[in-house]
Amino acid sequence: MIWLSIVIDTACTKIWDAWGSGARVTSLRVSPAVYAAVAAARPGEVARDYPLMLLGLQLIADPEVATYDPVAVCDPVAVWR
């Protein structure tokens, strides 16, 4: 079981920190387990082949990302860990 509230809380902190440094956050890299949990919660989006979104940002499954440590991807290539 994935505790999405922990993922969301951590993501919000990282997004806020990135904004504070003047960065523009464009997406979130998450573990494949988190991506699968969001996909399971949004079967309609998956069926319509829409990108999965969380907090208004597109999710990108990344096996290098720990389950409860999402990565805010910033424009153009800056990453806030």
Protein backbone atom coordinates (compact mmCIF):
# COMPACT_ATOMS: atom_id res chain seq x y z
CA MET A 1 0.00 0.00 0.00
CA ILE A 2 1.22 3.49 -0.90
CA TRP A 3 0.47 6.45 1.38
CA LEU A 4 -0.18 9.10 -1.28
CA SER A 5 -0.66 11.75 1.41
CA ILE A 6 3.05 11.44 2.27
CA VAL A 7 4.02 11.66 -1.40
CA ILE A 8 1.82 14.74 -1.87
CA ASP A 9 3.11 16.44 1.28
CA THR A 10 6.74 15.86 0.23
CA ALA A 11 6.01 17.01 -3.33
CA CYS A 12 4.35 20.20 -2.04
CA THR A 13 7.40 21.02 0.06
CA LYS A 14 9.76 20.49 -2.87
CA ILE A 15 7.56 22.52 -5.22
CA TRP A 16 7.37 25.36 -2.69
CA ASP A 17 11.15 25.32 -2.23
CA ALA A 18 11.68 25.37 -6.01
CA TRP A 19 9.29 28.29 -6.39
CA GLY A 20 11.16 30.10 -3.62
CA SER A 21 14.34 29.86 -5.65
CA GLY A 22 12.54 31.29 -8.69
CA ALA A 23 12.23 27.99 -10.55
CA ARG A 24 9.25 26.99 -12.67
CA VAL A 25 8.21 23.41 -11.85
CA THR A 26 7.07 21.51 -14.94
CA SER A 27 6.55 17.92 -13.76
CA LEU A 28 7.06 15.43 -10.96
CA ARG A 29 9.25 12.35 -11.20
CA VAL A 30 7.86 9.61 -8.97
CA SER A 31 8.60 5.96 -8.29
CA PRO A 32 6.82 3.42 -10.51
CA ALA A 33 4.82 2.32 -7.44
CA VAL A 34 3.47 5.84 -6.93
CA TYR A 35 2.71 6.17 -10.64
CA ALA A 36 0.80 2.87 -10.53
CA ALA A 37 -1.15 3.97 -7.43
CA VAL A 38 -2.21 7.22 -9.12
CA ALA A 39 -3.12 5.30 -12.29
CA ALA A 40 -5.27 2.91 -10.24
CA ALA A 41 -7.07 5.87 -8.66
CA ARG A 42 -7.73 7.44 -12.07
CA PRO A 43 -8.80 4.66 -14.43
CA GLY A 44 -10.72 7.09 -16.66
CA GLU A 45 -7.63 9.12 -17.43
CA VAL A 46 -5.67 5.97 -18.16
CA ALA A 47 -8.45 4.62 -20.43
CA ARG A 48 -8.49 7.90 -22.39
CA ASP A 49 -4.68 7.84 -22.61
CA TYR A 50 -4.41 11.19 -20.81
CA PRO A 51 -1.18 12.01 -18.99
CA LEU A 52 -1.38 11.31 -15.27
CA MET A 53 -1.34 14.50 -13.22
CA LEU A 54 -0.81 15.26 -9.55
CA LEU A 55 -0.90 18.77 -8.08
CA GLY A 56 -1.37 20.09 -11.60
CA LEU A 57 1.89 18.56 -12.79
CA GLN A 58 2.48 15.64 -15.14
CA LEU A 59 3.82 12.52 -13.44
CA ILE A 60 6.84 10.74 -14.86
CA ALA A 61 7.60 7.23 -13.60
CA ASP A 62 11.28 6.94 -12.70
CA PRO A 63 12.75 3.77 -11.15
CA GLU A 64 15.58 5.88 -9.68
CA VAL A 65 13.12 7.80 -7.44
CA ALA A 66 12.34 6.44 -3.98
CA THR A 67 8.67 5.83 -3.16
CA TYR A 68 8.26 8.71 -0.73
CA ASP A 69 10.76 11.10 -2.30
CA PRO A 70 9.27 12.62 -5.48
CA VAL A 71 11.46 14.95 -7.52
CA ALA A 72 10.24 18.33 -8.76
CA VAL A 73 11.46 18.86 -12.32
CA CYS A 74 12.06 22.49 -13.14
CA ASP A 75 12.36 24.41 -16.40
CA PRO A 76 14.61 24.06 -18.30
CA VAL A 77 16.71 21.34 -16.64
CA ALA A 78 17.07 22.29 -13.00
CA VAL A 79 15.89 19.60 -10.59
CA TRP A 80 14.98 20.28 -6.97
CA ARG A 81 15.74 17.28 -4.73
